Amino acid sequence: MTNKTLNLKWFLNPTINEPWAYAFVFNDEETKKIIELGTNGEDATPLRAGHLERGVTNLNIRSCEVSWLKSDSVNNEWLFQKLTSAINDVNKQMFQFDLTEIESLQFTIYNDRTSDFYRKHVDSTYKQLAPRKLSFSVQLSDPDEYEGGDLILHYQDDPVKAKREKGSITFFPSYTLHEVTPVTKGTRYSLVGWVTGPQFK
C-alpha cells in the first residue's frame, strides 16, 4: 500500500458540469491476476448475464459473462485495499461524495462470439437503501486485443469515450448514463464496481 497521490486525469463538461476521471492504478502483473481471479478464482463461475429489471432478464439490453469477486475472500483482500486507496484519493480530489463501502466487484467478459454489449443505462436508483454513488471500470485488456467494446459516458449530446489503456480506472457518478458498445473482434475483460453511501441531499 502507498499513500502516493494518484496521477489523475480530469475531464469536465463545461455545459452541464458533469465530472469524470481516470487514473492508472494496476500494472500488467496485477491485471493478469485479476483476470485469473475472475475466470478461475474460488468464486469464479462466469455466467451469461442480461439486464435485470423487475425480476426479468433482458438480453436485448445487455449481453456478456460475469462473475463476482467478494470482499470476504482472503485472495481478494489486496484488490479491495488497492481500490479503497484509489477511491479515497479520487473522491477527495474530485467528487467529494459521502461514501461508505464498495459492493462486491463484477468481473465482466465481453467477446465477439456473441457481439457482447450493454446498452445505455445508469447504475443507481432512488429505491436503493444504500444508493450507488460512484461507479468505476477497470480496464484489464490491452486495447489492441479487441475492437469495439468502448465505454461511452453520455452527457446530453456530447458523449465521451473512456480511455482504453490497460490498468486504468475510469470513475464517474453512478447516475451517469453510459453504455458499452458491441465487441466486434476479440475479448474485452473489465472489472466493474460501485461505491455506496447515504442518499444525496
N, C-alpha and C. Protein backbone atom coordinates (compact mmCIF):
# COMPACT_ATOMS: atom_id res chain seq x y z
N MET A 1 0.84 -1.19 0.00
CA MET A 1 0.00 0.00 0.00
C MET A 1 0.88 1.24 0.00
N THR A 2 0.39 2.27 -0.68
CA THR A 2 1.15 3.51 -0.73
C THR A 2 0.22 4.69 -0.58
N ASN A 3 0.73 5.75 0.02
CA ASN A 3 -0.04 6.96 0.19
C ASN A 3 0.24 7.96 -0.93
N LYS A 4 1.00 7.54 -1.92
CA LYS A 4 1.33 8.41 -3.03
C LYS A 4 0.06 8.84 -3.76
N THR A 5 -0.06 10.12 -4.03
CA THR A 5 -1.23 10.65 -4.70
C THR A 5 -1.30 10.13 -6.13
N LEU A 6 -2.49 9.73 -6.56
CA LEU A 6 -2.66 9.22 -7.91
C LEU A 6 -2.46 10.32 -8.92
N ASN A 7 -1.93 9.95 -10.08
CA ASN A 7 -1.80 10.88 -11.19
C ASN A 7 -3.10 10.85 -11.97
N LEU A 8 -4.04 11.69 -11.57
CA LEU A 8 -5.38 11.64 -12.13
C LEU A 8 -5.52 12.57 -13.32
N LYS A 9 -6.31 12.13 -14.31
CA LYS A 9 -6.70 12.97 -15.43
C LYS A 9 -8.12 13.44 -15.16
N TRP A 10 -8.38 14.69 -15.40
CA TRP A 10 -9.68 15.27 -15.03
C TRP A 10 -10.37 15.84 -16.26
N PHE A 11 -11.63 15.47 -16.44
CA PHE A 11 -12.40 15.96 -17.57
C PHE A 11 -13.67 16.61 -17.05
N LEU A 12 -14.00 17.76 -17.56
CA LEU A 12 -15.18 18.48 -17.09
C LEU A 12 -15.96 18.99 -18.29
N ASN A 13 -17.21 18.55 -18.40
CA ASN A 13 -18.06 19.04 -19.47
C ASN A 13 -18.55 20.43 -19.08
N PRO A 14 -18.16 21.47 -19.79
CA PRO A 14 -18.49 22.83 -19.36
C PRO A 14 -19.97 23.16 -19.47
N THR A 15 -20.73 22.34 -20.22
CA THR A 15 -22.14 22.65 -20.42
C THR A 15 -22.99 22.26 -19.22
N ILE A 16 -22.77 21.05 -18.69
CA ILE A 16 -23.62 20.57 -17.61
C ILE A 16 -22.82 20.23 -16.35
N ASN A 17 -21.53 20.47 -16.37
CA ASN A 17 -20.71 20.32 -15.16
C ASN A 17 -20.71 18.91 -14.60
N GLU A 18 -20.66 17.91 -15.49
CA GLU A 18 -20.63 16.50 -15.07
C GLU A 18 -19.19 15.99 -15.12
N PRO A 19 -18.58 15.66 -13.99
CA PRO A 19 -17.18 15.25 -14.00
C PRO A 19 -17.00 13.74 -14.16
N TRP A 20 -15.85 13.40 -14.71
CA TRP A 20 -15.38 12.02 -14.67
C TRP A 20 -13.86 12.07 -14.66
N ALA A 21 -13.26 11.00 -14.25
CA ALA A 21 -11.81 10.98 -14.12
C ALA A 21 -11.28 9.59 -14.41
N TYR A 22 -9.99 9.50 -14.73
CA TYR A 22 -9.36 8.19 -14.83
C TYR A 22 -7.95 8.26 -14.27
N ALA A 23 -7.48 7.11 -13.83
CA ALA A 23 -6.15 7.02 -13.24
C ALA A 23 -5.55 5.67 -13.58
N PHE A 24 -4.23 5.61 -13.72
CA PHE A 24 -3.53 4.35 -13.91
C PHE A 24 -3.21 3.77 -12.54
N VAL A 25 -3.75 2.60 -12.23
CA VAL A 25 -3.66 2.03 -10.89
C VAL A 25 -2.98 0.66 -10.89
N PHE A 26 -3.28 -0.20 -11.86
CA PHE A 26 -2.80 -1.58 -11.85
C PHE A 26 -1.74 -1.80 -12.93
N ASN A 27 -0.68 -2.54 -12.55
CA ASN A 27 0.34 -2.90 -13.53
C ASN A 27 -0.06 -4.18 -14.27
N ASP A 28 0.77 -4.60 -15.23
CA ASP A 28 0.44 -5.77 -16.06
C ASP A 28 0.26 -7.04 -15.22
N GLU A 29 1.14 -7.23 -14.25
CA GLU A 29 1.04 -8.43 -13.40
C GLU A 29 -0.27 -8.43 -12.63
N GLU A 30 -0.68 -7.26 -12.15
CA GLU A 30 -1.92 -7.19 -11.36
C GLU A 30 -3.15 -7.38 -12.23
N THR A 31 -3.14 -6.86 -13.45
CA THR A 31 -4.29 -7.08 -14.32
C THR A 31 -4.43 -8.56 -14.68
N LYS A 32 -3.31 -9.24 -14.89
CA LYS A 32 -3.36 -10.68 -15.15
C LYS A 32 -3.92 -11.43 -13.94
N LYS A 33 -3.53 -11.00 -12.75
CA LYS A 33 -4.01 -11.64 -11.53
C LYS A 33 -5.52 -11.46 -11.37
N ILE A 34 -6.02 -10.27 -11.71
CA ILE A 34 -7.46 -10.02 -11.62
C ILE A 34 -8.22 -10.90 -12.61
N ILE A 35 -7.69 -11.04 -13.83
CA ILE A 35 -8.34 -11.90 -14.82
C ILE A 35 -8.35 -13.35 -14.34
N GLU A 36 -7.27 -13.79 -13.71
CA GLU A 36 -7.21 -15.14 -13.16
C GLU A 36 -8.25 -15.33 -12.06
N LEU A 37 -8.41 -14.33 -11.20
CA LEU A 37 -9.41 -14.40 -10.14
C LEU A 37 -10.82 -14.46 -10.73
N GLY A 38 -11.04 -13.69 -11.79
CA GLY A 38 -12.37 -13.64 -12.39
C GLY A 38 -12.74 -14.87 -13.18
N THR A 39 -11.73 -15.55 -13.72
CA THR A 39 -12.02 -16.72 -14.56
C THR A 39 -11.82 -18.05 -13.85
N ASN A 40 -10.87 -18.09 -12.89
CA ASN A 40 -10.54 -19.36 -12.24
C ASN A 40 -10.49 -19.28 -10.71
N GLY A 41 -10.89 -18.15 -10.15
CA GLY A 41 -10.85 -17.99 -8.70
C GLY A 41 -11.91 -18.80 -7.99
N GLU A 42 -11.90 -18.72 -6.66
CA GLU A 42 -12.82 -19.54 -5.85
C GLU A 42 -14.28 -19.22 -6.11
N ASP A 43 -14.59 -17.98 -6.47
CA ASP A 43 -15.98 -17.60 -6.75
C ASP A 43 -16.24 -17.45 -8.24
N ALA A 44 -15.28 -17.86 -9.06
CA ALA A 44 -15.38 -17.63 -10.49
C ALA A 44 -16.26 -18.66 -11.17
N THR A 45 -17.46 -18.25 -11.51
CA THR A 45 -18.36 -19.08 -12.31
C THR A 45 -19.01 -18.15 -13.33
N PRO A 46 -18.23 -17.73 -14.35
CA PRO A 46 -18.78 -16.78 -15.32
C PRO A 46 -20.08 -17.28 -15.94
N LEU A 47 -21.11 -16.47 -15.85
CA LEU A 47 -22.43 -16.82 -16.34
C LEU A 47 -22.90 -15.77 -17.34
N ARG A 48 -23.68 -16.22 -18.33
CA ARG A 48 -24.26 -15.29 -19.28
C ARG A 48 -25.21 -14.36 -18.55
N ALA A 49 -25.03 -13.06 -18.72
CA ALA A 49 -25.81 -12.09 -17.96
C ALA A 49 -26.54 -11.15 -18.90
N GLY A 50 -27.78 -10.85 -18.54
CA GLY A 50 -28.55 -9.83 -19.23
C GLY A 50 -28.81 -8.68 -18.29
N HIS A 51 -29.70 -7.81 -18.67
CA HIS A 51 -30.07 -6.68 -17.82
C HIS A 51 -31.29 -7.06 -17.00
N LEU A 52 -31.13 -7.07 -15.67
CA LEU A 52 -32.21 -7.49 -14.79
C LEU A 52 -33.03 -6.27 -14.38
N GLU A 53 -34.31 -6.31 -14.69
CA GLU A 53 -35.21 -5.21 -14.34
C GLU A 53 -36.57 -5.78 -13.99
N ARG A 54 -37.02 -5.50 -12.76
CA ARG A 54 -38.31 -6.00 -12.28
C ARG A 54 -38.39 -7.52 -12.37
N GLY A 55 -37.27 -8.18 -12.05
CA GLY A 55 -37.24 -9.63 -12.00
C GLY A 55 -37.13 -10.31 -13.34
N VAL A 56 -36.97 -9.53 -14.42
CA VAL A 56 -36.90 -10.09 -15.76
C VAL A 56 -35.53 -9.78 -16.35
N THR A 57 -34.87 -10.81 -16.92
CA THR A 57 -33.57 -10.64 -17.56
C THR A 57 -33.77 -10.37 -19.04
N ASN A 58 -33.22 -9.25 -19.50
CA ASN A 58 -33.38 -8.83 -20.88
C ASN A 58 -32.03 -8.86 -21.59
N LEU A 59 -31.86 -9.83 -22.51
CA LEU A 59 -30.60 -9.95 -23.26
C LEU A 59 -30.52 -8.99 -24.43
N ASN A 60 -31.61 -8.24 -24.68
CA ASN A 60 -31.57 -7.22 -25.72
C ASN A 60 -30.95 -5.93 -25.20
N ILE A 61 -30.82 -5.81 -23.90
CA ILE A 61 -30.21 -4.63 -23.30
C ILE A 61 -28.76 -4.91 -22.93
N ARG A 62 -28.49 -6.13 -22.51
CA ARG A 62 -27.15 -6.48 -22.07
C ARG A 62 -26.83 -7.92 -22.43
N SER A 63 -25.61 -8.14 -22.92
CA SER A 63 -25.13 -9.49 -23.21
C SER A 63 -23.65 -9.55 -22.88
N CYS A 64 -23.28 -10.38 -21.91
CA CYS A 64 -21.89 -10.56 -21.50
C CYS A 64 -21.83 -11.71 -20.51
N GLU A 65 -20.62 -12.03 -20.03
CA GLU A 65 -20.47 -13.02 -18.97
C GLU A 65 -19.91 -12.31 -17.75
N VAL A 66 -20.42 -12.68 -16.57
CA VAL A 66 -19.96 -12.04 -15.35
C VAL A 66 -19.68 -13.08 -14.27
N SER A 67 -18.77 -12.75 -13.37
CA SER A 67 -18.59 -13.47 -12.12
C SER A 67 -18.31 -12.40 -11.07
N TRP A 68 -18.30 -12.81 -9.80
CA TRP A 68 -18.21 -11.83 -8.72
C TRP A 68 -16.99 -12.08 -7.84
N LEU A 69 -16.31 -11.01 -7.48
CA LEU A 69 -15.19 -11.06 -6.55
C LEU A 69 -15.65 -10.43 -5.25
N LYS A 70 -15.69 -11.26 -4.20
CA LYS A 70 -16.28 -10.81 -2.94
C LYS A 70 -15.23 -10.27 -1.98
N SER A 71 -15.67 -9.37 -1.11
CA SER A 71 -14.74 -8.70 -0.20
C SER A 71 -14.31 -9.59 0.95
N ASP A 72 -15.04 -10.68 1.23
CA ASP A 72 -14.70 -11.54 2.36
C ASP A 72 -13.72 -12.65 2.00
N SER A 73 -13.18 -12.60 0.79
CA SER A 73 -12.20 -13.59 0.36
C SER A 73 -10.79 -13.08 0.62
N VAL A 74 -9.96 -13.91 1.25
CA VAL A 74 -8.57 -13.54 1.51
C VAL A 74 -7.84 -13.26 0.20
N ASN A 75 -8.16 -14.01 -0.84
CA ASN A 75 -7.50 -13.85 -2.13
C ASN A 75 -7.79 -12.50 -2.78
N ASN A 76 -8.89 -11.87 -2.38
CA ASN A 76 -9.29 -10.60 -2.97
C ASN A 76 -8.92 -9.40 -2.11
N GLU A 77 -8.34 -9.65 -0.94
CA GLU A 77 -8.09 -8.56 0.00
C GLU A 77 -7.18 -7.49 -0.58
N TRP A 78 -6.11 -7.89 -1.27
CA TRP A 78 -5.18 -6.93 -1.85
C TRP A 78 -5.88 -6.02 -2.86
N LEU A 79 -6.83 -6.61 -3.60
CA LEU A 79 -7.54 -5.88 -4.63
C LEU A 79 -8.45 -4.81 -4.02
N PHE A 80 -9.21 -5.20 -3.00
CA PHE A 80 -10.09 -4.24 -2.34
C PHE A 80 -9.28 -3.15 -1.63
N GLN A 81 -8.12 -3.50 -1.07
CA GLN A 81 -7.28 -2.50 -0.42
C GLN A 81 -6.78 -1.47 -1.43
N LYS A 82 -6.34 -1.96 -2.58
CA LYS A 82 -5.82 -1.04 -3.60
C LYS A 82 -6.93 -0.16 -4.16
N LEU A 83 -8.09 -0.74 -4.38
CA LEU A 83 -9.22 0.04 -4.86
C LEU A 83 -9.67 1.07 -3.84
N THR A 84 -9.66 0.69 -2.55
CA THR A 84 -10.05 1.63 -1.49
C THR A 84 -9.14 2.85 -1.50
N SER A 85 -7.84 2.61 -1.64
CA SER A 85 -6.89 3.72 -1.69
C SER A 85 -7.17 4.63 -2.88
N ALA A 86 -7.40 4.03 -4.05
CA ALA A 86 -7.65 4.81 -5.26
C ALA A 86 -8.96 5.59 -5.15
N ILE A 87 -10.00 4.93 -4.62
CA ILE A 87 -11.30 5.58 -4.50
C ILE A 87 -11.23 6.76 -3.53
N ASN A 88 -10.60 6.54 -2.38
CA ASN A 88 -10.48 7.64 -1.42
C ASN A 88 -9.72 8.82 -2.01
N ASP A 89 -8.69 8.51 -2.78
CA ASP A 89 -7.87 9.56 -3.38
C ASP A 89 -8.68 10.36 -4.40
N VAL A 90 -9.31 9.66 -5.35
CA VAL A 90 -10.04 10.36 -6.40
C VAL A 90 -11.26 11.08 -5.82
N ASN A 91 -11.91 10.48 -4.83
CA ASN A 91 -13.09 11.12 -4.26
C ASN A 91 -12.71 12.40 -3.51
N LYS A 92 -11.59 12.36 -2.81
CA LYS A 92 -11.14 13.55 -2.08
C LYS A 92 -10.78 14.68 -3.04
N GLN A 93 -10.11 14.32 -4.13
CA GLN A 93 -9.66 15.34 -5.08
C GLN A 93 -10.78 15.86 -5.98
N MET A 94 -11.72 14.98 -6.33
CA MET A 94 -12.65 15.31 -7.39
C MET A 94 -14.12 15.41 -6.97
N PHE A 95 -14.66 14.31 -6.44
CA PHE A 95 -16.11 14.23 -6.28
C PHE A 95 -16.60 14.71 -4.92
N GLN A 96 -15.87 14.37 -3.88
CA GLN A 96 -16.24 14.73 -2.51
C GLN A 96 -17.63 14.21 -2.13
N PHE A 97 -17.91 12.95 -2.53
CA PHE A 97 -19.15 12.29 -2.15
C PHE A 97 -19.00 11.72 -0.74
N ASP A 98 -20.11 11.53 -0.05
CA ASP A 98 -20.13 10.84 1.24
C ASP A 98 -20.25 9.34 0.93
N LEU A 99 -19.13 8.62 0.99
CA LEU A 99 -19.08 7.21 0.60
C LEU A 99 -18.81 6.33 1.80
N THR A 100 -19.34 5.10 1.76
CA THR A 100 -19.18 4.20 2.91
C THR A 100 -18.54 2.86 2.56
N GLU A 101 -18.92 2.22 1.44
CA GLU A 101 -18.37 0.90 1.16
C GLU A 101 -18.43 0.54 -0.31
N ILE A 102 -17.60 -0.43 -0.69
CA ILE A 102 -17.58 -0.96 -2.05
C ILE A 102 -18.43 -2.23 -2.08
N GLU A 103 -19.29 -2.33 -3.07
CA GLU A 103 -20.04 -3.56 -3.26
C GLU A 103 -19.10 -4.64 -3.80
N SER A 104 -19.59 -5.88 -3.85
CA SER A 104 -18.83 -6.94 -4.50
C SER A 104 -18.48 -6.51 -5.92
N LEU A 105 -17.31 -6.91 -6.38
CA LEU A 105 -16.82 -6.48 -7.69
C LEU A 105 -17.32 -7.42 -8.78
N GLN A 106 -17.67 -6.84 -9.91
CA GLN A 106 -18.16 -7.63 -11.03
C GLN A 106 -17.08 -7.76 -12.10
N PHE A 107 -16.60 -8.97 -12.29
CA PHE A 107 -15.66 -9.26 -13.38
C PHE A 107 -16.49 -9.56 -14.61
N THR A 108 -16.18 -8.87 -15.70
CA THR A 108 -17.03 -8.95 -16.90
C THR A 108 -16.22 -9.34 -18.13
N ILE A 109 -16.79 -10.23 -18.92
CA ILE A 109 -16.18 -10.67 -20.17
C ILE A 109 -17.11 -10.29 -21.32
N TYR A 110 -16.61 -9.47 -22.23
CA TYR A 110 -17.32 -9.15 -23.47
C TYR A 110 -16.53 -9.79 -24.61
N ASN A 111 -17.17 -10.64 -25.40
CA ASN A 111 -16.45 -11.27 -26.50
C ASN A 111 -17.19 -11.13 -27.83
N ASP A 112 -16.45 -11.37 -28.91
CA ASP A 112 -17.00 -11.16 -30.24
C ASP A 112 -17.92 -12.29 -30.70
N ARG A 113 -17.85 -13.45 -30.05
CA ARG A 113 -18.69 -14.58 -30.49
C ARG A 113 -20.17 -14.24 -30.40
N THR A 114 -20.51 -13.46 -29.40
CA THR A 114 -21.91 -13.06 -29.21
C THR A 114 -22.08 -11.55 -29.32
N SER A 115 -21.05 -10.88 -29.85
CA SER A 115 -21.09 -9.41 -30.03
C SER A 115 -21.59 -8.73 -28.75
N ASP A 116 -20.96 -9.07 -27.62
CA ASP A 116 -21.43 -8.61 -26.32
C ASP A 116 -21.45 -7.09 -26.20
N PHE A 117 -22.39 -6.61 -25.40
CA PHE A 117 -22.64 -5.18 -25.27
C PHE A 117 -23.44 -4.91 -24.01
N TYR A 118 -23.58 -3.64 -23.67
CA TYR A 118 -24.50 -3.20 -22.62
C TYR A 118 -25.04 -1.84 -23.05
N ARG A 119 -26.32 -1.80 -23.37
CA ARG A 119 -26.91 -0.57 -23.88
C ARG A 119 -26.98 0.50 -22.78
N LYS A 120 -27.44 1.67 -23.14
CA LYS A 120 -27.46 2.82 -22.23
C LYS A 120 -28.22 2.49 -20.94
N HIS A 121 -27.59 2.84 -19.81
CA HIS A 121 -28.20 2.59 -18.52
C HIS A 121 -27.50 3.44 -17.47
N VAL A 122 -28.07 3.50 -16.28
CA VAL A 122 -27.42 4.13 -15.13
C VAL A 122 -27.29 3.07 -14.04
N ASP A 123 -26.37 3.28 -13.12
CA ASP A 123 -26.09 2.27 -12.08
C ASP A 123 -26.87 2.50 -10.79
N SER A 124 -27.47 3.67 -10.63
CA SER A 124 -28.12 3.99 -9.36
C SER A 124 -29.61 4.21 -9.55
N THR A 125 -30.36 3.91 -8.50
CA THR A 125 -31.78 4.22 -8.46
C THR A 125 -32.12 4.80 -7.10
N TYR A 126 -33.19 5.56 -7.05
CA TYR A 126 -33.61 6.17 -5.78
C TYR A 126 -34.18 5.15 -4.82
N LYS A 127 -34.50 3.94 -5.31
CA LYS A 127 -35.11 2.92 -4.47
C LYS A 127 -34.09 2.19 -3.60
N GLN A 128 -32.80 2.35 -3.88
CA GLN A 128 -31.78 1.65 -3.12
C GLN A 128 -31.61 2.26 -1.74
N LEU A 129 -31.55 1.41 -0.69
CA LEU A 129 -31.37 1.89 0.67
C LEU A 129 -30.00 2.53 0.83
N ALA A 130 -28.98 1.89 0.28
CA ALA A 130 -27.63 2.46 0.25
C ALA A 130 -27.30 2.67 -1.22
N PRO A 131 -27.62 3.82 -1.76
CA PRO A 131 -27.51 4.02 -3.21
C PRO A 131 -26.07 3.99 -3.70
N ARG A 132 -25.92 3.52 -4.91
CA ARG A 132 -24.63 3.62 -5.59
C ARG A 132 -24.40 5.09 -5.94
N LYS A 133 -23.23 5.59 -5.57
CA LYS A 133 -22.93 7.00 -5.81
C LYS A 133 -21.75 7.19 -6.75
N LEU A 134 -20.77 6.29 -6.67
CA LEU A 134 -19.60 6.39 -7.54
C LEU A 134 -19.37 5.05 -8.21
N SER A 135 -19.31 5.06 -9.53
CA SER A 135 -19.05 3.84 -10.31
C SER A 135 -17.62 3.89 -10.85
N PHE A 136 -17.06 2.71 -11.09
CA PHE A 136 -15.74 2.67 -11.69
C PHE A 136 -15.60 1.43 -12.57
N SER A 137 -14.75 1.55 -13.58
CA SER A 137 -14.50 0.45 -14.51
C SER A 137 -13.00 0.32 -14.71
N VAL A 138 -12.47 -0.87 -14.41
CA VAL A 138 -11.05 -1.14 -14.54
C VAL A 138 -10.81 -1.82 -15.89
N GLN A 139 -9.91 -1.26 -16.67
CA GLN A 139 -9.57 -1.81 -17.97
C GLN A 139 -8.51 -2.90 -17.79
N LEU A 140 -8.85 -4.15 -18.10
CA LEU A 140 -7.94 -5.27 -17.88
C LEU A 140 -7.30 -5.79 -19.16
N SER A 141 -7.86 -5.45 -20.31
CA SER A 141 -7.34 -5.94 -21.59
C SER A 141 -6.49 -4.87 -22.27
N ASP A 142 -5.51 -5.32 -23.01
CA ASP A 142 -4.76 -4.40 -23.86
C ASP A 142 -5.71 -3.93 -24.97
N PRO A 143 -5.73 -2.64 -25.29
CA PRO A 143 -6.68 -2.15 -26.30
C PRO A 143 -6.49 -2.76 -27.68
N ASP A 144 -5.32 -3.33 -27.96
CA ASP A 144 -5.08 -3.97 -29.25
C ASP A 144 -5.66 -5.38 -29.33
N GLU A 145 -6.16 -5.90 -28.20
CA GLU A 145 -6.66 -7.27 -28.16
C GLU A 145 -8.13 -7.38 -28.57
N TYR A 146 -8.79 -6.26 -28.80
CA TYR A 146 -10.20 -6.31 -29.16
C TYR A 146 -10.59 -5.04 -29.92
N GLU A 147 -11.73 -5.12 -30.60
CA GLU A 147 -12.29 -3.96 -31.29
C GLU A 147 -13.71 -3.76 -30.81
N GLY A 148 -14.16 -2.51 -30.81
CA GLY A 148 -15.45 -2.20 -30.22
C GLY A 148 -15.29 -2.20 -28.71
N GLY A 149 -16.39 -2.47 -27.99
CA GLY A 149 -16.31 -2.57 -26.54
C GLY A 149 -15.92 -1.29 -25.85
N ASP A 150 -16.30 -0.16 -26.40
CA ASP A 150 -15.96 1.13 -25.79
C ASP A 150 -16.95 1.48 -24.68
N LEU A 151 -16.42 1.97 -23.56
CA LEU A 151 -17.25 2.53 -22.51
C LEU A 151 -17.54 3.98 -22.90
N ILE A 152 -18.83 4.28 -23.10
CA ILE A 152 -19.25 5.61 -23.52
C ILE A 152 -20.06 6.24 -22.40
N LEU A 153 -19.66 7.44 -21.98
CA LEU A 153 -20.39 8.22 -20.98
C LEU A 153 -21.19 9.29 -21.72
N HIS A 154 -22.48 9.32 -21.45
CA HIS A 154 -23.37 10.22 -22.20
C HIS A 154 -23.69 11.47 -21.37
N TYR A 155 -23.32 12.60 -21.95
CA TYR A 155 -23.62 13.89 -21.35
C TYR A 155 -24.41 14.69 -22.37
N GLN A 156 -25.73 14.61 -22.28
CA GLN A 156 -26.62 15.24 -23.25
C GLN A 156 -26.21 14.81 -24.66
N ASP A 157 -25.84 15.76 -25.52
CA ASP A 157 -25.48 15.42 -26.89
C ASP A 157 -23.98 15.33 -27.08
N ASP A 158 -23.24 15.19 -26.00
CA ASP A 158 -21.78 15.20 -26.08
C ASP A 158 -21.20 13.95 -25.41
N PRO A 159 -21.37 12.76 -26.02
CA PRO A 159 -20.85 11.53 -25.41
C PRO A 159 -19.33 11.53 -25.36
N VAL A 160 -18.80 10.88 -24.33
CA VAL A 160 -17.36 10.82 -24.12
C VAL A 160 -16.93 9.35 -24.12
N LYS A 161 -15.88 9.03 -24.88
CA LYS A 161 -15.35 7.67 -24.91
C LYS A 161 -14.26 7.56 -23.85
N ALA A 162 -14.43 6.61 -22.93
CA ALA A 162 -13.45 6.43 -21.86
C ALA A 162 -12.14 5.89 -22.43
N LYS A 163 -11.06 6.13 -21.69
CA LYS A 163 -9.74 5.64 -22.09
C LYS A 163 -9.71 4.11 -22.08
N ARG A 164 -8.84 3.52 -22.91
CA ARG A 164 -8.78 2.07 -23.06
C ARG A 164 -7.48 1.47 -22.54
N GLU A 165 -6.59 2.29 -21.96
CA GLU A 165 -5.30 1.77 -21.51
C GLU A 165 -5.45 0.71 -20.43
N LYS A 166 -4.73 -0.38 -20.59
CA LYS A 166 -4.77 -1.47 -19.62
C LYS A 166 -4.26 -0.99 -18.27
N GLY A 167 -4.98 -1.35 -17.20
CA GLY A 167 -4.59 -0.98 -15.85
C GLY A 167 -5.19 0.32 -15.38
N SER A 168 -5.93 1.00 -16.24
CA SER A 168 -6.53 2.27 -15.85
C SER A 168 -7.93 2.06 -15.28
N ILE A 169 -8.36 3.01 -14.46
CA ILE A 169 -9.71 3.00 -13.92
C ILE A 169 -10.41 4.28 -14.35
N THR A 170 -11.62 4.14 -14.85
CA THR A 170 -12.48 5.27 -15.14
C THR A 170 -13.50 5.41 -14.01
N PHE A 171 -13.59 6.59 -13.42
CA PHE A 171 -14.52 6.88 -12.33
C PHE A 171 -15.60 7.84 -12.85
N PHE A 172 -16.85 7.62 -12.42
CA PHE A 172 -17.92 8.54 -12.80
C PHE A 172 -19.09 8.40 -11.82
N PRO A 173 -19.87 9.46 -11.63
CA PRO A 173 -21.04 9.35 -10.75
C PRO A 173 -21.99 8.27 -11.26
N SER A 174 -22.57 7.52 -10.35
CA SER A 174 -23.39 6.37 -10.73
C SER A 174 -24.68 6.75 -11.44
N TYR A 175 -25.06 8.02 -11.38
CA TYR A 175 -26.25 8.46 -12.09
C TYR A 175 -25.95 8.84 -13.54
N THR A 176 -24.70 8.67 -13.98
CA THR A 176 -24.32 8.99 -15.35
C THR A 176 -24.84 7.94 -16.32
N LEU A 177 -25.50 8.37 -17.37
CA LEU A 177 -25.95 7.46 -18.43
C LEU A 177 -24.71 6.97 -19.19
N HIS A 178 -24.59 5.65 -19.34
CA HIS A 178 -23.41 5.11 -20.01
C HIS A 178 -23.75 3.79 -20.70
N GLU A 179 -22.83 3.32 -21.53
CA GLU A 179 -23.04 2.06 -22.26
C GLU A 179 -21.69 1.46 -22.63
N VAL A 180 -21.71 0.19 -23.01
CA VAL A 180 -20.56 -0.48 -23.60
C VAL A 180 -20.97 -0.92 -25.00
N THR A 181 -20.26 -0.43 -26.01
CA THR A 181 -20.62 -0.75 -27.39
C THR A 181 -20.27 -2.21 -27.71
N PRO A 182 -20.91 -2.81 -28.71
CA PRO A 182 -20.65 -4.22 -29.04
C PRO A 182 -19.19 -4.50 -29.36
N VAL A 183 -18.70 -5.61 -28.84
CA VAL A 183 -17.35 -6.07 -29.18
C VAL A 183 -17.44 -6.78 -30.53
N THR A 184 -16.67 -6.30 -31.50
CA THR A 184 -16.72 -6.85 -32.85
C THR A 184 -15.56 -7.79 -33.16
N LYS A 185 -14.50 -7.73 -32.34
CA LYS A 185 -13.36 -8.61 -32.54
C LYS A 185 -12.62 -8.79 -31.23
N GLY A 186 -12.28 -10.05 -30.89
CA GLY A 186 -11.51 -10.32 -29.69
C GLY A 186 -12.35 -10.34 -28.43
N THR A 187 -11.68 -10.17 -27.29
CA THR A 187 -12.33 -10.24 -25.97
C THR A 187 -11.89 -9.07 -25.11
N ARG A 188 -12.84 -8.46 -24.44
CA ARG A 188 -12.55 -7.37 -23.51
C ARG A 188 -12.86 -7.84 -22.10
N TYR A 189 -11.86 -7.75 -21.21
CA TYR A 189 -12.04 -8.06 -19.80
C TYR A 189 -12.07 -6.75 -19.02
N SER A 190 -12.99 -6.65 -18.09
CA SER A 190 -13.05 -5.46 -17.24
C SER A 190 -13.52 -5.85 -15.84
N LEU A 191 -13.27 -4.97 -14.91
CA LEU A 191 -13.73 -5.13 -13.54
C LEU A 191 -14.54 -3.90 -13.20
N VAL A 192 -15.79 -4.12 -12.83
CA VAL A 192 -16.71 -3.02 -12.56
C VAL A 192 -17.06 -3.00 -11.08
N GLY A 193 -17.15 -1.81 -10.52
CA GLY A 193 -17.51 -1.70 -9.11
C GLY A 193 -18.35 -0.46 -8.84
N TRP A 194 -19.00 -0.49 -7.69
CA TRP A 194 -19.86 0.62 -7.27
C TRP A 194 -19.60 0.90 -5.80
N VAL A 195 -19.56 2.18 -5.47
CA VAL A 195 -19.34 2.61 -4.09
C VAL A 195 -20.62 3.26 -3.59
N THR A 196 -21.08 2.80 -2.44
CA THR A 196 -22.36 3.27 -1.91
C THR A 196 -22.15 4.29 -0.80
N GLY A 197 -23.25 4.93 -0.43
CA GLY A 197 -23.22 5.91 0.65
C GLY A 197 -24.64 6.40 0.91
N PRO A 198 -24.79 7.33 1.86
CA PRO A 198 -26.11 7.88 2.15
C PRO A 198 -26.71 8.57 0.92
N GLN A 199 -28.02 8.70 0.93
CA GLN A 199 -28.70 9.37 -0.17
C GLN A 199 -28.14 10.78 -0.36
N PHE A 200 -28.07 11.20 -1.63
CA PHE A 200 -27.69 12.59 -1.91
C PHE A 200 -28.73 13.52 -1.29
N LYS A 201 -28.29 14.62 -0.75
CA LYS A 201 -29.21 15.59 -0.16
C LYS A 201 -29.57 16.65 -1.17
